[in-house]
């Protein structure tokens, strides 16, 4: 396709709204995906750390408490 001016290029044969809109949505999604992945990873790591601390605390409590023998 041959464009005579920048306005013709931006208009894309009267399809510019769709072309540039699609490009903008794609660029937004490509920027958002890694950000969302990093946020999800941070949440997962913090949840696993909390779970590990809770399990470790529970293990210490159960080993420190005296067990009674059945009467």
PDB file of N, CA and C in Angstrom:
ATOM      1  N   UNK A   1       0.845  -1.167   0.000  1.00  0.00           N
ATOM      2  CA  UNK A   1       0.000   0.000   0.000  1.00  0.00           C
ATOM      3  C   UNK A   1       0.892   1.232   0.000  1.00  0.00           C
ATOM      4  N   UNK A   2       0.448   2.247  -0.675  1.00  0.00           N
ATOM      5  CA  UNK A   2       1.228   3.478  -0.803  1.00  0.00           C
ATOM      6  C   UNK A   2       0.465   4.621  -0.152  1.00  0.00           C
ATOM      7  N   UNK A   3       1.149   5.337   0.729  1.00  0.00           N
ATOM      8  CA  UNK A   3       0.530   6.474   1.411  1.00  0.00           C
ATOM      9  C   UNK A   3       1.189   7.758   0.922  1.00  0.00           C
ATOM     10  N   UNK A   4       0.370   8.763   0.688  1.00  0.00           N
ATOM     11  CA  UNK A   4       0.863  10.044   0.204  1.00  0.00           C
ATOM     12  C   UNK A   4       1.262  10.977   1.333  1.00  0.00           C
ATOM     13  N   UNK A   5       0.763  10.719   2.538  1.00  0.00           N
ATOM     14  CA  UNK A   5       1.064  11.596   3.661  1.00  0.00           C
ATOM     15  C   UNK A   5       0.971  10.796   4.961  1.00  0.00           C
ATOM     16  N   UNK A   6       1.392  11.442   6.020  1.00  0.00           N
ATOM     17  CA  UNK A   6       1.299  10.816   7.343  1.00  0.00           C
ATOM     18  C   UNK A   6      -0.159  10.591   7.728  1.00  0.00           C
ATOM     19  N   UNK A   7      -1.024  11.525   7.340  1.00  0.00           N
ATOM     20  CA  UNK A   7      -2.459  11.376   7.641  1.00  0.00           C
ATOM     21  C   UNK A   7      -3.032  10.146   6.941  1.00  0.00           C
ATOM     22  N   UNK A   8      -2.611   9.894   5.704  1.00  0.00           N
ATOM     23  CA  UNK A   8      -3.063   8.692   4.988  1.00  0.00           C
ATOM     24  C   UNK A   8      -2.561   7.432   5.679  1.00  0.00           C
ATOM     25  N   UNK A   9      -1.318   7.484   6.140  1.00  0.00           N
ATOM     26  CA  UNK A   9      -0.760   6.329   6.843  1.00  0.00           C
ATOM     27  C   UNK A   9      -1.540   6.054   8.122  1.00  0.00           C
ATOM     28  N   UNK A  10      -1.827   7.111   8.895  1.00  0.00           N
ATOM     29  CA  UNK A  10      -2.560   6.938  10.151  1.00  0.00           C
ATOM     30  C   UNK A  10      -3.998   6.500   9.919  1.00  0.00           C
ATOM     31  N   UNK A  11      -4.591   6.922   8.808  1.00  0.00           N
ATOM     32  CA  UNK A  11      -5.969   6.550   8.489  1.00  0.00           C
ATOM     33  C   UNK A  11      -6.058   5.096   8.045  1.00  0.00           C
ATOM     34  N   UNK A  12      -4.971   4.547   7.506  1.00  0.00           N
ATOM     35  CA  UNK A  12      -4.911   3.155   7.051  1.00  0.00           C
ATOM     36  C   UNK A  12      -6.103   2.777   6.165  1.00  0.00           C
ATOM     37  N   UNK A  13      -6.387   3.631   5.215  1.00  0.00           N
ATOM     38  CA  UNK A  13      -7.487   3.335   4.287  1.00  0.00           C
ATOM     39  C   UNK A  13      -8.824   3.277   5.003  1.00  0.00           C
ATOM     40  N   UNK A  14      -9.063   4.194   5.899  1.00  0.00           N
ATOM     41  CA  UNK A  14     -10.280   4.290   6.712  1.00  0.00           C
ATOM     42  C   UNK A  14     -10.433   3.141   7.724  1.00  0.00           C
ATOM     43  N   UNK A  15      -9.362   2.428   7.995  1.00  0.00           N
ATOM     44  CA  UNK A  15      -9.385   1.374   9.013  1.00  0.00           C
ATOM     45  C   UNK A  15      -8.440   1.691  10.163  1.00  0.00           C
ATOM     46  N   UNK A  16      -7.972   2.910  10.222  1.00  0.00           N
ATOM     47  CA  UNK A  16      -6.983   3.313  11.218  1.00  0.00           C
ATOM     48  C   UNK A  16      -7.444   3.108  12.648  1.00  0.00           C
ATOM     49  N   UNK A  17      -8.719   3.379  12.917  1.00  0.00           N
ATOM     50  CA  UNK A  17      -9.239   3.206  14.284  1.00  0.00           C
ATOM     51  C   UNK A  17      -9.072   1.756  14.728  1.00  0.00           C
ATOM     52  N   UNK A  18      -9.389   0.826  13.871  1.00  0.00           N
ATOM     53  CA  UNK A  18      -9.288  -0.596  14.212  1.00  0.00           C
ATOM     54  C   UNK A  18      -7.836  -1.047  14.305  1.00  0.00           C
ATOM     55  N   UNK A  19      -7.026  -0.606  13.348  1.00  0.00           N
ATOM     56  CA  UNK A  19      -5.616  -1.001  13.324  1.00  0.00           C
ATOM     57  C   UNK A  19      -4.890  -0.465  14.542  1.00  0.00           C
ATOM     58  N   UNK A  20      -5.001   0.837  14.791  1.00  0.00           N
ATOM     59  CA  UNK A  20      -4.268   1.438  15.909  1.00  0.00           C
ATOM     60  C   UNK A  20      -4.884   1.040  17.252  1.00  0.00           C
ATOM     61  N   UNK A  21      -6.184   0.837  17.285  1.00  0.00           N
ATOM     62  CA  UNK A  21      -6.816   0.349  18.512  1.00  0.00           C
ATOM     63  C   UNK A  21      -6.336  -1.045  18.871  1.00  0.00           C
ATOM     64  N   UNK A  22      -6.243  -1.913  17.864  1.00  0.00           N
ATOM     65  CA  UNK A  22      -5.743  -3.269  18.087  1.00  0.00           C
ATOM     66  C   UNK A  22      -4.291  -3.249  18.552  1.00  0.00           C
ATOM     67  N   UNK A  23      -3.508  -2.384  17.935  1.00  0.00           N
ATOM     68  CA  UNK A  23      -2.107  -2.265  18.329  1.00  0.00           C
ATOM     69  C   UNK A  23      -1.984  -1.772  19.772  1.00  0.00           C
ATOM     70  N   UNK A  24      -2.807  -0.810  20.148  1.00  0.00           N
ATOM     71  CA  UNK A  24      -2.769  -0.279  21.517  1.00  0.00           C
ATOM     72  C   UNK A  24      -3.175  -1.342  22.537  1.00  0.00           C
ATOM     73  N   UNK A  25      -4.225  -2.106  22.243  1.00  0.00           N
ATOM     74  CA  UNK A  25      -4.668  -3.166  23.158  1.00  0.00           C
ATOM     75  C   UNK A  25      -3.582  -4.225  23.299  1.00  0.00           C
ATOM     76  N   UNK A  26      -2.972  -4.620  22.201  1.00  0.00           N
ATOM     77  CA  UNK A  26      -1.905  -5.623  22.237  1.00  0.00           C
ATOM     78  C   UNK A  26      -0.719  -5.122  23.053  1.00  0.00           C
ATOM     79  N   UNK A  27      -0.332  -3.867  22.866  1.00  0.00           N
ATOM     80  CA  UNK A  27       0.796  -3.310  23.616  1.00  0.00           C
ATOM     81  C   UNK A  27       0.469  -3.240  25.103  1.00  0.00           C
ATOM     82  N   UNK A  28      -0.748  -2.857  25.438  1.00  0.00           N
ATOM     83  CA  UNK A  28      -1.169  -2.793  26.836  1.00  0.00           C
ATOM     84  C   UNK A  28      -1.125  -4.177  27.484  1.00  0.00           C
ATOM     85  N   UNK A  29      -1.612  -5.169  26.772  1.00  0.00           N
ATOM     86  CA  UNK A  29      -1.595  -6.536  27.316  1.00  0.00           C
ATOM     87  C   UNK A  29      -0.170  -7.069  27.461  1.00  0.00           C
ATOM     88  N   UNK A  30       0.684  -6.739  26.528  1.00  0.00           N
ATOM     89  CA  UNK A  30       2.073  -7.199  26.621  1.00  0.00           C
ATOM     90  C   UNK A  30       2.799  -6.538  27.787  1.00  0.00           C
ATOM     91  N   UNK A  31       2.415  -5.322  28.141  1.00  0.00           N
ATOM     92  CA  UNK A  31       3.002  -4.662  29.304  1.00  0.00           C
ATOM     93  C   UNK A  31       2.393  -5.184  30.603  1.00  0.00           C
ATOM     94  N   UNK A  32       1.105  -5.470  30.584  1.00  0.00           N
ATOM     95  CA  UNK A  32       0.411  -5.895  31.802  1.00  0.00           C
ATOM     96  C   UNK A  32       0.775  -7.322  32.209  1.00  0.00           C
ATOM     97  N   UNK A  33       0.996  -8.201  31.257  1.00  0.00           N
ATOM     98  CA  UNK A  33       1.229  -9.611  31.593  1.00  0.00           C
ATOM     99  C   UNK A  33       2.433  -9.823  32.504  1.00  0.00           C
ATOM    100  N   UNK A  34       3.615  -9.300  32.204  1.00  0.00           N
ATOM    101  CA  UNK A  34       4.736  -9.534  33.123  1.00  0.00           C
ATOM    102  C   UNK A  34       4.514  -8.899  34.498  1.00  0.00           C
ATOM    103  N   UNK A  35       3.826  -7.759  34.525  1.00  0.00           N
ATOM    104  CA  UNK A  35       3.544  -7.117  35.808  1.00  0.00           C
ATOM    105  C   UNK A  35       2.630  -8.011  36.644  1.00  0.00           C
ATOM    106  N   UNK A  36       1.590  -8.547  36.022  1.00  0.00           N
ATOM    107  CA  UNK A  36       0.675  -9.430  36.739  1.00  0.00           C
ATOM    108  C   UNK A  36       1.362 -10.719  37.178  1.00  0.00           C
ATOM    109  N   UNK A  37       2.250 -11.242  36.356  1.00  0.00           N
ATOM    110  CA  UNK A  37       2.988 -12.450  36.724  1.00  0.00           C
ATOM    111  C   UNK A  37       3.891 -12.197  37.925  1.00  0.00           C
ATOM    112  N   UNK A  38       4.560 -11.059  37.955  1.00  0.00           N
ATOM    113  CA  UNK A  38       5.420 -10.731  39.099  1.00  0.00           C
ATOM    114  C   UNK A  38       4.611 -10.562  40.371  1.00  0.00           C
ATOM    115  N   UNK A  39       3.456  -9.920  40.276  1.00  0.00           N
ATOM    116  CA  UNK A  39       2.600  -9.758  41.449  1.00  0.00           C
ATOM    117  C   UNK A  39       2.127 -11.116  41.964  1.00  0.00           C
ATOM    118  N   UNK A  40       1.728 -11.981  41.054  1.00  0.00           N
ATOM    119  CA  UNK A  40       1.288 -13.318  41.456  1.00  0.00           C
ATOM    120  C   UNK A  40       2.405 -14.115  42.106  1.00  0.00           C
ATOM    121  N   UNK A  41       3.612 -13.978  41.580  1.00  0.00           N
ATOM    122  CA  UNK A  41       4.765 -14.684  42.154  1.00  0.00           C
ATOM    123  C   UNK A  41       5.052 -14.183  43.562  1.00  0.00           C
ATOM    124  N   UNK A  42       4.997 -12.865  43.759  1.00  0.00           N
ATOM    125  CA  UNK A  42       5.241 -12.304  45.089  1.00  0.00           C
ATOM    126  C   UNK A  42       4.207 -12.809  46.090  1.00  0.00           C
ATOM    127  N   UNK A  43       2.946 -12.853  45.677  1.00  0.00           N
ATOM    128  CA  UNK A  43       1.891 -13.354  46.564  1.00  0.00           C
ATOM    129  C   UNK A  43       2.122 -14.823  46.904  1.00  0.00           C
ATOM    130  N   UNK A  44       2.505 -15.609  45.917  1.00  0.00           N
ATOM    131  CA  UNK A  44       2.749 -17.025  46.145  1.00  0.00           C
ATOM    132  C   UNK A  44       3.912 -17.240  47.099  1.00  0.00           C
ATOM    133  N   UNK A  45       5.002 -16.523  46.895  1.00  0.00           N
ATOM    134  CA  UNK A  45       6.175 -16.663  47.761  1.00  0.00           C
ATOM    135  C   UNK A  45       5.836 -16.267  49.192  1.00  0.00           C
ATOM    136  N   UNK A  46       5.102 -15.174  49.373  1.00  0.00           N
ATOM    137  CA  UNK A  46       4.758 -14.758  50.734  1.00  0.00           C
ATOM    138  C   UNK A  46       3.807 -15.754  51.385  1.00  0.00           C
ATOM    139  N   UNK A  47       2.879 -16.316  50.616  1.00  0.00           N
ATOM    140  CA  UNK A  47       1.974 -17.330  51.170  1.00  0.00           C
ATOM    141  C   UNK A  47       2.732 -18.582  51.581  1.00  0.00           C
ATOM    142  N   UNK A  48       3.679 -19.005  50.764  1.00  0.00           N
ATOM    143  CA  UNK A  48       4.463 -20.185  51.097  1.00  0.00           C
ATOM    144  C   UNK A  48       5.348 -19.943  52.313  1.00  0.00           C
ATOM    145  N   UNK A  49       5.893 -18.740  52.447  1.00  0.00           N
ATOM    146  CA  UNK A  49       6.697 -18.416  53.630  1.00  0.00           C
ATOM    147  C   UNK A  49       5.850 -18.456  54.887  1.00  0.00           C
ATOM    148  N   UNK A  50       4.628 -17.884  54.818  1.00  0.00           N
ATOM    149  CA  UNK A  50       3.733 -17.932  55.977  1.00  0.00           C
ATOM    150  C   UNK A  50       3.385 -19.362  56.340  1.00  0.00           C
ATOM    151  N   UNK A  51       3.113 -20.176  55.334  1.00  0.00           N
ATOM    152  CA  UNK A  51       2.765 -21.578  55.575  1.00  0.00           C
ATOM    153  C   UNK A  51       3.941 -22.315  56.200  1.00  0.00           C
ATOM    154  N   UNK A  52       5.140 -22.076  55.717  1.00  0.00           N
ATOM    155  CA  UNK A  52       6.328 -22.730  56.257  1.00  0.00           C
ATOM    156  C   UNK A  52       6.538 -22.333  57.714  1.00  0.00           C
ATOM    157  N   UNK A  53       6.406 -21.028  58.012  1.00  0.00           N
ATOM    158  CA  UNK A  53       6.563 -20.567  59.396  1.00  0.00           C
ATOM    159  C   UNK A  53       5.515 -21.189  60.301  1.00  0.00           C
ATOM    160  N   UNK A  54       4.280 -21.278  59.828  1.00  0.00           N
ATOM    161  CA  UNK A  54       3.211 -21.867  60.629  1.00  0.00           C
ATOM    162  C   UNK A  54       3.480 -23.346  60.895  1.00  0.00           C
ATOM    163  N   UNK A  55       3.923 -24.062  59.888  1.00  0.00           N
ATOM    164  CA  UNK A  55       4.212 -25.488  60.072  1.00  0.00           C
ATOM    165  C   UNK A  55       5.401 -25.686  60.998  1.00  0.00           C
ATOM    166  N   UNK A  56       6.406 -24.842  60.871  1.00  0.00           N
ATOM    167  CA  UNK A  56       7.579 -24.953  61.734  1.00  0.00           C
ATOM    168  C   UNK A  56       7.210 -24.642  63.187  1.00  0.00           C
ATOM    169  N   UNK A  57       6.382 -23.634  63.406  1.00  0.00           N
ATOM    170  CA  UNK A  57       5.930 -23.283  64.750  1.00  0.00           C
ATOM    171  C   UNK A  57       5.107 -24.423  65.339  1.00  0.00           C
ATOM    172  N   UNK A  58       4.241 -24.999  64.555  1.00  0.00           N
ATOM    173  CA  UNK A  58       3.416 -26.117  65.033  1.00  0.00           C
ATOM    174  C   UNK A  58       4.283 -27.318  65.379  1.00  0.00           C
ATOM    175  N   UNK A  59       5.304 -27.570  64.591  1.00  0.00           N
ATOM    176  CA  UNK A  59       6.200 -28.701  64.872  1.00  0.00           C
ATOM    177  C   UNK A  59       6.959 -28.465  66.173  1.00  0.00           C
ATOM    178  N   UNK A  60       7.374 -27.238  66.410  1.00  0.00           N
ATOM    179  CA  UNK A  60       8.081 -26.922  67.668  1.00  0.00           C
ATOM    180  C   UNK A  60       7.153 -27.096  68.868  1.00  0.00           C
ATOM    181  N   UNK A  61       5.916 -26.639  68.731  1.00  0.00           N
ATOM    182  CA  UNK A  61       4.954 -26.763  69.828  1.00  0.00           C
ATOM    183  C   UNK A  61       4.654 -28.216  70.140  1.00  0.00           C
ATOM    184  N   UNK A  62       4.484 -29.011  69.119  1.00  0.00           N
ATOM    185  CA  UNK A  62       4.141 -30.413  69.355  1.00  0.00           C
ATOM    186  C   UNK A  62       5.324 -31.193  69.930  1.00  0.00           C
ATOM    187  N   UNK A  63       6.550 -30.815  69.582  1.00  0.00           N
ATOM    188  CA  UNK A  63       7.704 -31.522  70.137  1.00  0.00           C
ATOM    189  C   UNK A  63       8.046 -31.018  71.537  1.00  0.00           C
ATOM    190  N   UNK A  64       7.662 -29.799  71.872  1.00  0.00           N
ATOM    191  CA  UNK A  64       7.972 -29.231  73.183  1.00  0.00           C
ATOM    192  C   UNK A  64       6.944 -29.620  74.230  1.00  0.00           C
ATOM    193  N   UNK A  65       5.725 -29.903  73.838  1.00  0.00           N
ATOM    194  CA  UNK A  65       4.707 -30.245  74.821  1.00  0.00           C
ATOM    195  C   UNK A  65       4.862 -31.699  75.247  1.00  0.00           C
ATOM    196  N   UNK A  66       4.769 -31.934  76.547  1.00  0.00           N
ATOM    197  CA  UNK A  66       4.912 -33.319  77.036  1.00  0.00           C
ATOM    198  C   UNK A  66       3.693 -34.133  76.650  1.00  0.00           C
ATOM    199  N   UNK A  67       3.952 -35.330  76.257  1.00  0.00           N
ATOM    200  CA  UNK A  67       2.875 -36.228  75.879  1.00  0.00           C
ATOM    201  C   UNK A  67       2.516 -37.083  77.085  1.00  0.00           C
ATOM    202  N   UNK A  68       1.225 -37.195  77.298  1.00  0.00           N
ATOM    203  CA  UNK A  68       0.776 -38.024  78.410  1.00  0.00           C
ATOM    204  C   UNK A  68       0.572 -39.437  77.951  1.00  0.00           C
ATOM    205  N   UNK A  69       0.924 -40.335  78.808  1.00  0.00           N
ATOM    206  CA  UNK A  69       0.661 -41.738  78.475  1.00  0.00           C
ATOM    207  C   UNK A  69      -0.761 -42.074  78.883  1.00  0.00           C
ATOM    208  N   UNK A  70      -1.409 -42.927  78.127  1.00  0.00           N
ATOM    209  CA  UNK A  70      -2.809 -43.278  78.449  1.00  0.00           C
ATOM    210  C   UNK A  70      -2.873 -44.022  79.791  1.00  0.00           C
ATOM    211  N   UNK A  71      -3.838 -43.661  80.618  1.00  0.00           N
ATOM    212  CA  UNK A  71      -3.997 -44.302  81.937  1.00  0.00           C
ATOM    213  C   UNK A  71      -4.828 -45.525  81.873  1.00  0.00           C
TER     214      UNK A  71
END
